[in-house]
Amino acid sequence: MSRIAIYGSGGAAREVAWLLEDLCGAGSEPHCYVDDDPARQGKSVGGVPVIGFDSLCSDDTDDIEVIIAVGDCATRRKLAGRCAQAGLGFATVVHSSVRRAPSSVIGRGTIIAAGSIVSVDAVIGEHVYVNLDCTISHDVLLGDFVTLSPGVHIPGNVHVEEGVFIGTGATFVHGTESAPLMIGHDSVVAAGACVTEPVKPNTMVAGVPAVQKKKGRA
């Protein structure tokens, strides 16, 4: 069995450790947490050591897989590139309570937390973070490095491009097979928003119905 290094040591990282315990059995725990903050290194979280990236790479990494437990999309993209350049592999973590259709696809490095549903022919990219109690309906596409906060519900034929951050409780109207609802890359959907129209890349939308608030990331 691979040793799992969780990149991050905050709340998201502790939730991923819980997912690992559920998957691997009581008493299971990650091999280590990895944090770039020197003030956190040398400490422990729940009895698991926190180390720096250089310390991780100085170990025998042949049986180590990394899961990046960071909510920010851009940071997760940066850390994934760093790990890949160092030759590290990635784990995919899906909680046992997740209901997943056999025709769905889940990419490497992705986290799907408890209570979520992944429906038929949904395609989830790499290093996606699906938080608690999310619904991903039929024919949804989630690009790499997308983050869904808790309680996000995405109906059929919605395409979410790379690096999109979706806040807690956001909802969407469904698209169609010929005209999917497009959420442009690196955009932000604010918590509680209801998205009824396509979202342009690198914008933020908020409200019910959601409207563009500003250009660029927050």
N, C-alpha and C. Protein backbone atom coordinates (compact mmCIF):
# COMPACT_ATOMS: atom_id res chain seq x y z
N MET A 1 0.84 -1.19 0.00
CA MET A 1 0.00 0.00 0.00
C MET A 1 0.88 1.25 0.00
N SER A 2 0.50 2.24 -0.80
CA SER A 2 1.27 3.48 -0.86
C SER A 2 1.14 4.27 0.43
N ARG A 3 2.18 5.00 0.74
CA ARG A 3 2.12 5.96 1.83
C ARG A 3 1.57 7.27 1.27
N ILE A 4 0.64 7.89 2.01
CA ILE A 4 -0.02 9.09 1.52
C ILE A 4 0.55 10.31 2.24
N ALA A 5 1.05 11.25 1.46
CA ALA A 5 1.48 12.54 1.98
C ALA A 5 0.41 13.57 1.63
N ILE A 6 -0.13 14.23 2.64
CA ILE A 6 -1.16 15.24 2.43
C ILE A 6 -0.47 16.60 2.36
N TYR A 7 -0.57 17.26 1.21
CA TYR A 7 0.03 18.59 1.05
C TYR A 7 -0.95 19.60 1.63
N GLY A 8 -0.55 20.22 2.75
CA GLY A 8 -1.40 21.08 3.54
C GLY A 8 -1.48 20.52 4.95
N SER A 9 -1.80 21.38 5.91
CA SER A 9 -1.93 20.90 7.28
C SER A 9 -3.06 21.60 8.03
N GLY A 10 -3.97 22.24 7.27
CA GLY A 10 -5.09 22.95 7.88
C GLY A 10 -6.34 22.09 7.93
N GLY A 11 -7.50 22.77 7.94
CA GLY A 11 -8.77 22.06 8.08
C GLY A 11 -9.03 21.10 6.94
N ALA A 12 -8.77 21.53 5.70
CA ALA A 12 -8.97 20.64 4.56
C ALA A 12 -8.11 19.39 4.67
N ALA A 13 -6.87 19.57 5.11
CA ALA A 13 -5.96 18.43 5.26
C ALA A 13 -6.48 17.45 6.31
N ARG A 14 -7.01 17.97 7.41
CA ARG A 14 -7.54 17.08 8.44
C ARG A 14 -8.78 16.33 7.93
N GLU A 15 -9.58 16.97 7.08
CA GLU A 15 -10.72 16.27 6.49
C GLU A 15 -10.26 15.16 5.56
N VAL A 16 -9.21 15.41 4.80
CA VAL A 16 -8.68 14.35 3.94
C VAL A 16 -8.15 13.19 4.76
N ALA A 17 -7.51 13.49 5.88
CA ALA A 17 -7.03 12.43 6.76
C ALA A 17 -8.20 11.57 7.25
N TRP A 18 -9.32 12.21 7.51
CA TRP A 18 -10.53 11.46 7.90
C TRP A 18 -11.00 10.56 6.76
N LEU A 19 -10.97 11.06 5.53
CA LEU A 19 -11.35 10.24 4.39
C LEU A 19 -10.44 9.01 4.29
N LEU A 20 -9.14 9.23 4.49
CA LEU A 20 -8.21 8.11 4.42
C LEU A 20 -8.50 7.07 5.50
N GLU A 21 -8.82 7.53 6.70
CA GLU A 21 -9.15 6.60 7.78
C GLU A 21 -10.38 5.78 7.41
N ASP A 22 -11.38 6.43 6.80
CA ASP A 22 -12.60 5.73 6.41
C ASP A 22 -12.30 4.70 5.32
N LEU A 23 -11.42 5.05 4.40
CA LEU A 23 -11.10 4.15 3.29
C LEU A 23 -10.25 2.97 3.73
N CYS A 24 -9.33 3.23 4.66
CA CYS A 24 -8.32 2.24 5.00
C CYS A 24 -8.59 1.50 6.30
N GLY A 25 -9.59 1.97 7.06
CA GLY A 25 -9.91 1.30 8.31
C GLY A 25 -9.50 2.11 9.52
N ALA A 26 -10.11 1.81 10.63
CA ALA A 26 -9.85 2.53 11.87
C ALA A 26 -8.38 2.47 12.21
N GLY A 27 -7.85 3.61 12.63
CA GLY A 27 -6.45 3.69 13.00
C GLY A 27 -5.53 4.04 11.87
N SER A 28 -6.05 4.05 10.64
CA SER A 28 -5.21 4.44 9.51
C SER A 28 -4.98 5.94 9.53
N GLU A 29 -3.84 6.36 9.05
CA GLU A 29 -3.52 7.77 9.06
C GLU A 29 -2.52 8.07 7.95
N PRO A 30 -2.44 9.34 7.53
CA PRO A 30 -1.46 9.67 6.49
C PRO A 30 -0.04 9.50 6.99
N HIS A 31 0.87 9.32 6.04
CA HIS A 31 2.29 9.19 6.39
C HIS A 31 2.82 10.51 6.96
N CYS A 32 2.38 11.63 6.38
CA CYS A 32 2.82 12.93 6.85
C CYS A 32 1.94 14.01 6.24
N TYR A 33 1.99 15.19 6.84
CA TYR A 33 1.49 16.41 6.22
C TYR A 33 2.70 17.18 5.68
N VAL A 34 2.49 17.89 4.59
CA VAL A 34 3.56 18.71 3.99
C VAL A 34 3.09 20.15 4.02
N ASP A 35 3.91 21.03 4.54
CA ASP A 35 3.54 22.45 4.62
C ASP A 35 4.77 23.29 4.32
N ASP A 36 4.58 24.33 3.51
CA ASP A 36 5.70 25.21 3.15
C ASP A 36 6.00 26.27 4.20
N ASP A 37 5.16 26.38 5.21
CA ASP A 37 5.35 27.36 6.28
C ASP A 37 6.34 26.80 7.31
N PRO A 38 7.54 27.39 7.43
CA PRO A 38 8.51 26.87 8.39
C PRO A 38 7.98 26.81 9.82
N ALA A 39 7.03 27.70 10.15
CA ALA A 39 6.50 27.72 11.51
C ALA A 39 5.68 26.47 11.83
N ARG A 40 5.16 25.81 10.80
CA ARG A 40 4.36 24.59 11.01
C ARG A 40 5.21 23.33 10.96
N GLN A 41 6.35 23.41 10.32
CA GLN A 41 7.19 22.23 10.15
C GLN A 41 7.80 21.82 11.49
N GLY A 42 7.95 20.53 11.67
CA GLY A 42 8.49 20.00 12.91
C GLY A 42 7.46 19.79 13.98
N LYS A 43 6.21 20.17 13.69
CA LYS A 43 5.11 19.94 14.63
C LYS A 43 4.33 18.73 14.16
N SER A 44 3.17 18.51 14.76
CA SER A 44 2.34 17.39 14.34
C SER A 44 0.88 17.81 14.37
N VAL A 45 0.07 17.12 13.61
CA VAL A 45 -1.38 17.32 13.59
C VAL A 45 -2.02 15.96 13.85
N GLY A 46 -2.67 15.84 14.99
CA GLY A 46 -3.27 14.56 15.35
C GLY A 46 -2.25 13.44 15.44
N GLY A 47 -1.05 13.78 15.82
CA GLY A 47 0.01 12.77 15.96
C GLY A 47 0.76 12.47 14.68
N VAL A 48 0.40 13.15 13.58
CA VAL A 48 1.06 12.93 12.29
C VAL A 48 2.04 14.08 12.05
N PRO A 49 3.29 13.79 11.70
CA PRO A 49 4.28 14.86 11.57
C PRO A 49 4.00 15.78 10.39
N VAL A 50 4.38 17.05 10.56
CA VAL A 50 4.33 18.05 9.50
C VAL A 50 5.76 18.32 9.05
N ILE A 51 6.02 18.12 7.77
CA ILE A 51 7.37 18.29 7.24
C ILE A 51 7.34 19.27 6.07
N GLY A 52 8.51 19.69 5.65
CA GLY A 52 8.63 20.54 4.48
C GLY A 52 8.74 19.71 3.21
N PHE A 53 8.58 20.37 2.07
CA PHE A 53 8.62 19.67 0.79
C PHE A 53 9.98 19.04 0.54
N ASP A 54 11.04 19.75 0.89
CA ASP A 54 12.38 19.20 0.68
C ASP A 54 12.59 17.93 1.50
N SER A 55 12.04 17.91 2.70
CA SER A 55 12.15 16.70 3.53
C SER A 55 11.39 15.55 2.91
N LEU A 56 10.24 15.83 2.33
CA LEU A 56 9.48 14.79 1.65
C LEU A 56 10.29 14.19 0.51
N CYS A 57 10.90 15.05 -0.28
CA CYS A 57 11.65 14.58 -1.46
C CYS A 57 12.94 13.88 -1.09
N SER A 58 13.45 14.14 0.11
CA SER A 58 14.68 13.48 0.53
C SER A 58 14.42 12.06 1.02
N ASP A 59 13.15 11.73 1.23
CA ASP A 59 12.76 10.38 1.65
C ASP A 59 12.74 9.48 0.41
N ASP A 60 12.60 8.17 0.64
CA ASP A 60 12.38 7.24 -0.47
C ASP A 60 10.95 7.43 -0.95
N THR A 61 10.78 8.02 -2.12
CA THR A 61 9.45 8.42 -2.59
C THR A 61 8.79 7.40 -3.51
N ASP A 62 9.40 6.23 -3.70
CA ASP A 62 8.85 5.26 -4.64
C ASP A 62 7.43 4.84 -4.30
N ASP A 63 7.11 4.75 -3.00
CA ASP A 63 5.77 4.31 -2.60
C ASP A 63 4.96 5.44 -1.97
N ILE A 64 5.33 6.69 -2.23
CA ILE A 64 4.59 7.84 -1.70
C ILE A 64 3.69 8.42 -2.77
N GLU A 65 2.44 8.66 -2.42
CA GLU A 65 1.50 9.37 -3.28
C GLU A 65 1.02 10.61 -2.54
N VAL A 66 0.88 11.71 -3.26
CA VAL A 66 0.51 12.99 -2.68
C VAL A 66 -0.94 13.29 -2.99
N ILE A 67 -1.65 13.83 -2.02
CA ILE A 67 -2.97 14.41 -2.23
C ILE A 67 -2.90 15.85 -1.75
N ILE A 68 -3.33 16.79 -2.60
CA ILE A 68 -3.18 18.21 -2.29
C ILE A 68 -4.47 18.73 -1.68
N ALA A 69 -4.45 18.97 -0.37
CA ALA A 69 -5.63 19.37 0.38
C ALA A 69 -5.61 20.87 0.60
N VAL A 70 -5.79 21.59 -0.49
CA VAL A 70 -5.79 23.06 -0.48
C VAL A 70 -6.97 23.52 -1.32
N GLY A 71 -7.83 24.39 -0.76
CA GLY A 71 -9.04 24.78 -1.46
C GLY A 71 -8.82 25.72 -2.62
N ASP A 72 -7.80 26.57 -2.53
CA ASP A 72 -7.56 27.55 -3.58
C ASP A 72 -7.07 26.87 -4.86
N CYS A 73 -7.76 27.15 -5.96
CA CYS A 73 -7.46 26.45 -7.22
C CYS A 73 -6.05 26.75 -7.73
N ALA A 74 -5.67 28.02 -7.73
CA ALA A 74 -4.38 28.40 -8.27
C ALA A 74 -3.24 27.80 -7.45
N THR A 75 -3.40 27.78 -6.14
CA THR A 75 -2.37 27.18 -5.29
C THR A 75 -2.27 25.69 -5.53
N ARG A 76 -3.41 25.04 -5.68
CA ARG A 76 -3.39 23.60 -5.94
C ARG A 76 -2.71 23.30 -7.28
N ARG A 77 -2.95 24.12 -8.27
CA ARG A 77 -2.29 23.94 -9.57
C ARG A 77 -0.77 24.08 -9.43
N LYS A 78 -0.34 25.10 -8.68
CA LYS A 78 1.08 25.33 -8.48
C LYS A 78 1.73 24.15 -7.75
N LEU A 79 1.09 23.67 -6.70
CA LEU A 79 1.68 22.58 -5.92
C LEU A 79 1.69 21.28 -6.71
N ALA A 80 0.68 21.06 -7.53
CA ALA A 80 0.65 19.85 -8.35
C ALA A 80 1.81 19.86 -9.34
N GLY A 81 2.08 21.02 -9.93
CA GLY A 81 3.21 21.12 -10.84
C GLY A 81 4.53 20.87 -10.14
N ARG A 82 4.64 21.38 -8.93
CA ARG A 82 5.87 21.18 -8.16
C ARG A 82 6.09 19.71 -7.85
N CYS A 83 5.01 19.03 -7.45
CA CYS A 83 5.12 17.60 -7.13
C CYS A 83 5.43 16.78 -8.36
N ALA A 84 4.78 17.10 -9.47
CA ALA A 84 5.03 16.36 -10.71
C ALA A 84 6.47 16.53 -11.17
N GLN A 85 6.99 17.75 -11.04
CA GLN A 85 8.38 18.00 -11.44
C GLN A 85 9.35 17.20 -10.59
N ALA A 86 8.96 16.95 -9.34
CA ALA A 86 9.81 16.16 -8.45
C ALA A 86 9.62 14.66 -8.64
N GLY A 87 8.73 14.28 -9.55
CA GLY A 87 8.53 12.87 -9.84
C GLY A 87 7.61 12.15 -8.88
N LEU A 88 6.82 12.90 -8.11
CA LEU A 88 5.91 12.29 -7.15
C LEU A 88 4.61 11.89 -7.83
N GLY A 89 4.02 10.80 -7.37
CA GLY A 89 2.72 10.36 -7.85
C GLY A 89 1.60 10.98 -7.03
N PHE A 90 0.37 10.80 -7.49
CA PHE A 90 -0.78 11.41 -6.84
C PHE A 90 -1.82 10.36 -6.48
N ALA A 91 -2.43 10.55 -5.32
CA ALA A 91 -3.53 9.70 -4.87
C ALA A 91 -4.86 10.34 -5.25
N THR A 92 -5.88 9.51 -5.41
CA THR A 92 -7.26 9.95 -5.60
C THR A 92 -8.06 9.43 -4.41
N VAL A 93 -8.81 10.32 -3.75
CA VAL A 93 -9.49 9.96 -2.51
C VAL A 93 -10.99 10.21 -2.67
N VAL A 94 -11.78 9.15 -2.61
CA VAL A 94 -13.24 9.24 -2.73
C VAL A 94 -13.85 8.58 -1.49
N HIS A 95 -14.64 9.32 -0.73
CA HIS A 95 -15.24 8.80 0.50
C HIS A 95 -16.19 7.65 0.18
N SER A 96 -16.30 6.71 1.10
CA SER A 96 -17.11 5.52 0.87
C SER A 96 -18.60 5.83 0.75
N SER A 97 -19.04 6.98 1.25
CA SER A 97 -20.46 7.34 1.17
C SER A 97 -20.83 7.97 -0.17
N VAL A 98 -19.84 8.27 -1.00
CA VAL A 98 -20.12 8.90 -2.30
C VAL A 98 -20.84 7.90 -3.20
N ARG A 99 -21.94 8.34 -3.81
CA ARG A 99 -22.66 7.51 -4.78
C ARG A 99 -22.18 7.91 -6.17
N ARG A 100 -21.59 6.95 -6.85
CA ARG A 100 -20.94 7.24 -8.13
C ARG A 100 -21.44 6.28 -9.20
N ALA A 101 -21.90 6.83 -10.32
CA ALA A 101 -22.34 6.00 -11.43
C ALA A 101 -21.13 5.32 -12.08
N PRO A 102 -21.29 4.07 -12.52
CA PRO A 102 -20.17 3.37 -13.16
C PRO A 102 -19.63 4.08 -14.40
N SER A 103 -20.46 4.87 -15.07
CA SER A 103 -20.03 5.55 -16.30
C SER A 103 -19.31 6.87 -16.04
N SER A 104 -19.21 7.27 -14.78
CA SER A 104 -18.52 8.51 -14.46
C SER A 104 -17.01 8.31 -14.52
N VAL A 105 -16.28 9.40 -14.67
CA VAL A 105 -14.82 9.37 -14.76
C VAL A 105 -14.26 10.35 -13.73
N ILE A 106 -13.29 9.92 -12.96
CA ILE A 106 -12.67 10.76 -11.93
C ILE A 106 -11.16 10.75 -12.15
N GLY A 107 -10.56 11.93 -12.30
CA GLY A 107 -9.14 12.05 -12.59
C GLY A 107 -8.26 11.88 -11.36
N ARG A 108 -6.98 11.71 -11.61
CA ARG A 108 -6.01 11.48 -10.54
C ARG A 108 -5.87 12.75 -9.69
N GLY A 109 -5.57 12.52 -8.41
CA GLY A 109 -5.36 13.63 -7.50
C GLY A 109 -6.63 14.30 -7.02
N THR A 110 -7.79 13.77 -7.41
CA THR A 110 -9.07 14.39 -7.05
C THR A 110 -9.54 13.91 -5.68
N ILE A 111 -10.21 14.80 -4.96
CA ILE A 111 -10.80 14.52 -3.65
C ILE A 111 -12.31 14.67 -3.78
N ILE A 112 -13.06 13.65 -3.35
CA ILE A 112 -14.53 13.76 -3.30
C ILE A 112 -14.96 13.40 -1.89
N ALA A 113 -15.52 14.38 -1.20
CA ALA A 113 -15.83 14.23 0.22
C ALA A 113 -17.18 13.56 0.45
N ALA A 114 -17.46 13.31 1.71
CA ALA A 114 -18.63 12.53 2.11
C ALA A 114 -19.94 13.18 1.65
N GLY A 115 -20.89 12.30 1.30
CA GLY A 115 -22.24 12.74 0.99
C GLY A 115 -22.46 13.22 -0.42
N SER A 116 -21.46 13.18 -1.27
CA SER A 116 -21.59 13.69 -2.62
C SER A 116 -22.11 12.61 -3.57
N ILE A 117 -22.66 13.07 -4.71
CA ILE A 117 -23.20 12.18 -5.73
C ILE A 117 -22.57 12.55 -7.07
N VAL A 118 -22.06 11.56 -7.77
CA VAL A 118 -21.50 11.75 -9.11
C VAL A 118 -22.33 10.90 -10.06
N SER A 119 -23.10 11.52 -10.92
CA SER A 119 -24.10 10.82 -11.72
C SER A 119 -23.52 10.33 -13.05
N VAL A 120 -24.41 9.83 -13.90
CA VAL A 120 -24.01 9.14 -15.12
C VAL A 120 -23.28 10.05 -16.09
N ASP A 121 -22.18 9.52 -16.63
CA ASP A 121 -21.39 10.19 -17.66
C ASP A 121 -20.82 11.54 -17.24
N ALA A 122 -20.75 11.77 -15.94
CA ALA A 122 -20.04 12.95 -15.45
C ALA A 122 -18.54 12.70 -15.58
N VAL A 123 -17.81 13.74 -15.95
CA VAL A 123 -16.36 13.64 -16.11
C VAL A 123 -15.70 14.68 -15.21
N ILE A 124 -14.89 14.21 -14.28
CA ILE A 124 -14.21 15.07 -13.32
C ILE A 124 -12.72 14.99 -13.61
N GLY A 125 -12.09 16.14 -13.76
CA GLY A 125 -10.69 16.20 -14.14
C GLY A 125 -9.74 15.87 -13.01
N GLU A 126 -8.50 16.28 -13.18
CA GLU A 126 -7.44 16.01 -12.20
C GLU A 126 -7.37 17.11 -11.15
N HIS A 127 -7.06 16.70 -9.93
CA HIS A 127 -6.85 17.62 -8.81
C HIS A 127 -8.08 18.50 -8.57
N VAL A 128 -9.25 17.92 -8.74
CA VAL A 128 -10.50 18.59 -8.41
C VAL A 128 -10.81 18.34 -6.94
N TYR A 129 -11.37 19.34 -6.27
CA TYR A 129 -11.73 19.20 -4.86
C TYR A 129 -13.24 19.37 -4.74
N VAL A 130 -13.94 18.25 -4.52
CA VAL A 130 -15.39 18.25 -4.33
C VAL A 130 -15.65 18.10 -2.85
N ASN A 131 -16.18 19.14 -2.24
CA ASN A 131 -16.37 19.14 -0.80
C ASN A 131 -17.66 18.43 -0.41
N LEU A 132 -18.04 18.54 0.85
CA LEU A 132 -19.14 17.78 1.43
C LEU A 132 -20.48 18.05 0.72
N ASP A 133 -21.24 16.97 0.50
CA ASP A 133 -22.65 17.05 0.07
C ASP A 133 -22.85 17.81 -1.22
N CYS A 134 -22.06 17.52 -2.23
CA CYS A 134 -22.24 18.13 -3.55
C CYS A 134 -22.94 17.15 -4.49
N THR A 135 -23.65 17.71 -5.48
CA THR A 135 -24.32 16.92 -6.50
C THR A 135 -23.74 17.27 -7.87
N ILE A 136 -23.25 16.26 -8.55
CA ILE A 136 -22.70 16.43 -9.90
C ILE A 136 -23.53 15.55 -10.81
N SER A 137 -24.41 16.16 -11.60
CA SER A 137 -25.41 15.41 -12.33
C SER A 137 -24.88 14.90 -13.67
N HIS A 138 -25.78 14.36 -14.48
CA HIS A 138 -25.39 13.70 -15.73
C HIS A 138 -24.71 14.66 -16.70
N ASP A 139 -23.69 14.15 -17.36
CA ASP A 139 -22.99 14.87 -18.43
C ASP A 139 -22.34 16.18 -18.00
N VAL A 140 -22.09 16.31 -16.70
CA VAL A 140 -21.34 17.47 -16.21
C VAL A 140 -19.85 17.23 -16.49
N LEU A 141 -19.16 18.28 -16.87
CA LEU A 141 -17.71 18.23 -17.03
C LEU A 141 -17.08 19.21 -16.04
N LEU A 142 -16.19 18.72 -15.22
CA LEU A 142 -15.42 19.57 -14.31
C LEU A 142 -13.97 19.53 -14.76
N GLY A 143 -13.41 20.68 -15.13
CA GLY A 143 -12.02 20.73 -15.56
C GLY A 143 -11.05 20.54 -14.42
N ASP A 144 -9.78 20.42 -14.74
CA ASP A 144 -8.74 20.26 -13.73
C ASP A 144 -8.74 21.45 -12.76
N PHE A 145 -8.42 21.16 -11.50
CA PHE A 145 -8.21 22.17 -10.46
C PHE A 145 -9.47 22.97 -10.12
N VAL A 146 -10.64 22.42 -10.40
CA VAL A 146 -11.90 23.04 -9.97
C VAL A 146 -12.10 22.76 -8.48
N THR A 147 -12.69 23.72 -7.76
CA THR A 147 -13.08 23.53 -6.37
C THR A 147 -14.58 23.72 -6.24
N LEU A 148 -15.27 22.72 -5.66
CA LEU A 148 -16.66 22.85 -5.26
C LEU A 148 -16.70 22.92 -3.74
N SER A 149 -17.19 24.02 -3.20
CA SER A 149 -17.36 24.15 -1.75
C SER A 149 -18.56 23.31 -1.31
N PRO A 150 -18.78 23.16 0.01
CA PRO A 150 -19.88 22.31 0.46
C PRO A 150 -21.24 22.72 -0.11
N GLY A 151 -22.03 21.71 -0.44
CA GLY A 151 -23.41 21.94 -0.84
C GLY A 151 -23.61 22.56 -2.20
N VAL A 152 -22.68 22.39 -3.11
CA VAL A 152 -22.84 22.89 -4.48
C VAL A 152 -23.63 21.85 -5.29
N HIS A 153 -24.60 22.31 -6.07
CA HIS A 153 -25.42 21.41 -6.87
C HIS A 153 -25.35 21.82 -8.33
N ILE A 154 -24.83 20.89 -9.15
CA ILE A 154 -24.64 21.16 -10.57
C ILE A 154 -25.50 20.19 -11.37
N PRO A 155 -26.53 20.68 -12.07
CA PRO A 155 -27.41 19.80 -12.84
C PRO A 155 -26.78 19.40 -14.17
N GLY A 156 -27.54 18.70 -14.98
CA GLY A 156 -27.01 18.12 -16.20
C GLY A 156 -26.51 19.13 -17.22
N ASN A 157 -25.49 18.69 -17.98
CA ASN A 157 -24.96 19.45 -19.11
C ASN A 157 -24.44 20.84 -18.73
N VAL A 158 -23.72 20.89 -17.63
CA VAL A 158 -22.98 22.09 -17.25
C VAL A 158 -21.50 21.77 -17.40
N HIS A 159 -20.77 22.64 -18.06
CA HIS A 159 -19.34 22.44 -18.26
C HIS A 159 -18.58 23.51 -17.48
N VAL A 160 -17.79 23.08 -16.52
CA VAL A 160 -17.02 23.97 -15.66
C VAL A 160 -15.56 23.84 -16.07
N GLU A 161 -14.99 24.92 -16.58
CA GLU A 161 -13.63 24.86 -17.11
C GLU A 161 -12.59 24.90 -15.99
N GLU A 162 -11.34 24.74 -16.37
CA GLU A 162 -10.22 24.61 -15.42
C GLU A 162 -10.13 25.79 -14.46
N GLY A 163 -9.84 25.47 -13.18
CA GLY A 163 -9.50 26.48 -12.20
C GLY A 163 -10.65 27.29 -11.66
N VAL A 164 -11.89 26.84 -11.84
CA VAL A 164 -13.05 27.57 -11.33
C VAL A 164 -13.25 27.27 -9.85
N PHE A 165 -13.54 28.32 -9.06
CA PHE A 165 -13.87 28.16 -7.64
C PHE A 165 -15.36 28.45 -7.46
N ILE A 166 -16.08 27.50 -6.86
CA ILE A 166 -17.52 27.65 -6.65
C ILE A 166 -17.80 27.64 -5.16
N GLY A 167 -18.43 28.70 -4.67
CA GLY A 167 -18.66 28.88 -3.24
C GLY A 167 -19.79 28.03 -2.70
N THR A 168 -19.88 27.99 -1.38
CA THR A 168 -20.83 27.14 -0.67
C THR A 168 -22.27 27.42 -1.10
N GLY A 169 -22.99 26.33 -1.39
CA GLY A 169 -24.41 26.43 -1.67
C GLY A 169 -24.79 26.99 -3.03
N ALA A 170 -23.83 27.19 -3.91
CA ALA A 170 -24.15 27.70 -5.25
C ALA A 170 -24.91 26.65 -6.05
N THR A 171 -25.82 27.14 -6.91
CA THR A 171 -26.60 26.26 -7.77
C THR A 171 -26.55 26.78 -9.21
N PHE A 172 -26.99 25.95 -10.13
CA PHE A 172 -26.92 26.26 -11.56
C PHE A 172 -28.20 25.77 -12.23
N VAL A 173 -28.59 26.41 -13.34
CA VAL A 173 -29.62 25.83 -14.18
C VAL A 173 -28.93 24.86 -15.14
N HIS A 174 -29.69 23.90 -15.62
CA HIS A 174 -29.08 22.89 -16.49
C HIS A 174 -28.89 23.43 -17.90
N GLY A 175 -27.91 22.86 -18.57
CA GLY A 175 -27.74 23.13 -19.99
C GLY A 175 -28.40 22.04 -20.80
N THR A 176 -28.05 21.97 -22.06
CA THR A 176 -28.54 20.91 -22.93
C THR A 176 -27.35 20.24 -23.61
N GLU A 177 -27.61 19.11 -24.22
CA GLU A 177 -26.53 18.41 -24.90
C GLU A 177 -25.91 19.25 -26.00
N SER A 178 -26.75 20.00 -26.72
CA SER A 178 -26.25 20.82 -27.82
C SER A 178 -25.73 22.18 -27.36
N ALA A 179 -26.18 22.62 -26.18
CA ALA A 179 -25.78 23.93 -25.67
C ALA A 179 -25.56 23.86 -24.17
N PRO A 180 -24.45 23.23 -23.73
CA PRO A 180 -24.18 23.15 -22.29
C PRO A 180 -23.96 24.54 -21.69
N LEU A 181 -24.30 24.68 -20.42
CA LEU A 181 -24.03 25.92 -19.70
C LEU A 181 -22.54 25.97 -19.41
N MET A 182 -21.86 27.00 -19.90
CA MET A 182 -20.41 27.09 -19.80
C MET A 182 -20.00 28.03 -18.67
N ILE A 183 -19.10 27.54 -17.81
CA ILE A 183 -18.52 28.33 -16.73
C ILE A 183 -17.05 28.49 -17.06
N GLY A 184 -16.65 29.71 -17.45
CA GLY A 184 -15.32 29.94 -18.00
C GLY A 184 -14.19 29.73 -17.02
N HIS A 185 -13.04 29.41 -17.55
CA HIS A 185 -11.87 29.06 -16.74
C HIS A 185 -11.48 30.19 -15.78
N ASP A 186 -11.01 29.77 -14.60
CA ASP A 186 -10.48 30.67 -13.58
C ASP A 186 -11.50 31.70 -13.10
N SER A 187 -12.77 31.39 -13.23
CA SER A 187 -13.81 32.27 -12.71
C SER A 187 -14.16 31.88 -11.27
N VAL A 188 -14.95 32.74 -10.61
CA VAL A 188 -15.40 32.51 -9.25
C VAL A 188 -16.92 32.65 -9.21
N VAL A 189 -17.59 31.65 -8.64
CA VAL A 189 -19.02 31.72 -8.40
C VAL A 189 -19.21 31.87 -6.89
N ALA A 190 -19.78 32.99 -6.48
CA ALA A 190 -19.87 33.30 -5.05
C ALA A 190 -20.84 32.35 -4.33
N ALA A 191 -20.66 32.24 -3.03
CA ALA A 191 -21.52 31.40 -2.20
C ALA A 191 -22.97 31.83 -2.36
N GLY A 192 -23.86 30.84 -2.50
CA GLY A 192 -25.28 31.10 -2.58
C GLY A 192 -25.78 31.59 -3.91
N ALA A 193 -24.93 31.72 -4.90
CA ALA A 193 -25.34 32.22 -6.20
C ALA A 193 -26.19 31.17 -6.93
N CYS A 194 -27.05 31.66 -7.83
CA CYS A 194 -27.79 30.79 -8.75
C CYS A 194 -27.42 31.21 -10.16
N VAL A 195 -26.67 30.38 -10.84
CA VAL A 195 -26.13 30.73 -12.16
C VAL A 195 -27.12 30.29 -13.23
N THR A 196 -27.61 31.26 -13.99
CA THR A 196 -28.60 30.99 -15.04
C THR A 196 -28.06 31.27 -16.44
N GLU A 197 -26.90 31.90 -16.53
CA GLU A 197 -26.30 32.26 -17.81
C GLU A 197 -24.83 31.84 -17.82
N PRO A 198 -24.23 31.71 -19.02
CA PRO A 198 -22.81 31.39 -19.07
C PRO A 198 -21.97 32.42 -18.31
N VAL A 199 -20.86 31.95 -17.75
CA VAL A 199 -19.95 32.81 -17.00
C VAL A 199 -18.67 32.97 -17.81
N LYS A 200 -18.24 34.21 -17.97
CA LYS A 200 -17.03 34.48 -18.75
C LYS A 200 -15.79 34.06 -17.96
N PRO A 201 -14.72 33.71 -18.65
CA PRO A 201 -13.47 33.37 -17.96
C PRO A 201 -12.96 34.55 -17.13
N ASN A 202 -12.29 34.23 -16.02
CA ASN A 202 -11.62 35.24 -15.17
C ASN A 202 -12.56 36.31 -14.66
N THR A 203 -13.79 35.92 -14.34
CA THR A 203 -14.74 36.86 -13.76
C THR A 203 -15.30 36.29 -12.47
N MET A 204 -15.98 37.14 -11.71
CA MET A 204 -16.71 36.69 -10.53
C MET A 204 -18.19 37.00 -10.73
N VAL A 205 -19.06 36.03 -10.38
CA VAL A 205 -20.50 36.25 -10.42
C VAL A 205 -21.07 35.97 -9.04
N ALA A 206 -22.15 36.67 -8.70
CA ALA A 206 -22.79 36.51 -7.40
C ALA A 206 -24.25 36.89 -7.52
N GLY A 207 -25.05 36.40 -6.57
CA GLY A 207 -26.45 36.80 -6.49
C GLY A 207 -27.40 35.80 -7.09
N VAL A 208 -28.70 36.13 -6.99
CA VAL A 208 -29.78 35.29 -7.51
C VAL A 208 -30.72 36.16 -8.34
N PRO A 209 -30.69 36.05 -9.66
CA PRO A 209 -29.75 35.25 -10.43
C PRO A 209 -28.35 35.86 -10.40
N ALA A 210 -27.35 35.05 -10.69
CA ALA A 210 -25.97 35.53 -10.61
C ALA A 210 -25.66 36.52 -11.72
N VAL A 211 -24.97 37.60 -11.35
CA VAL A 211 -24.52 38.60 -12.31
C VAL A 211 -23.03 38.86 -12.07
N GLN A 212 -22.37 39.35 -13.11
CA GLN A 212 -20.94 39.62 -12.98
C GLN A 212 -20.69 40.79 -12.05
N LYS A 213 -19.76 40.61 -11.13
CA LYS A 213 -19.43 41.63 -10.15
C LYS A 213 -18.14 42.37 -10.47
N LYS A 214 -17.17 41.67 -10.98
CA LYS A 214 -15.90 42.31 -11.29
C LYS A 214 -15.09 41.39 -12.18
N LYS A 215 -14.08 41.95 -12.81
CA LYS A 215 -13.19 41.16 -13.65
C LYS A 215 -12.03 40.65 -12.79
N GLY A 216 -11.54 39.47 -13.14
CA GLY A 216 -10.37 38.93 -12.47
C GLY A 216 -10.75 38.23 -11.19
N ARG A 217 -9.77 37.49 -10.64
CA ARG A 217 -9.96 36.73 -9.41
C ARG A 217 -9.92 37.67 -8.23
N ALA A 218 -10.58 37.25 -7.14
CA ALA A 218 -10.58 38.03 -5.91
C ALA A 218 -9.17 38.05 -5.33
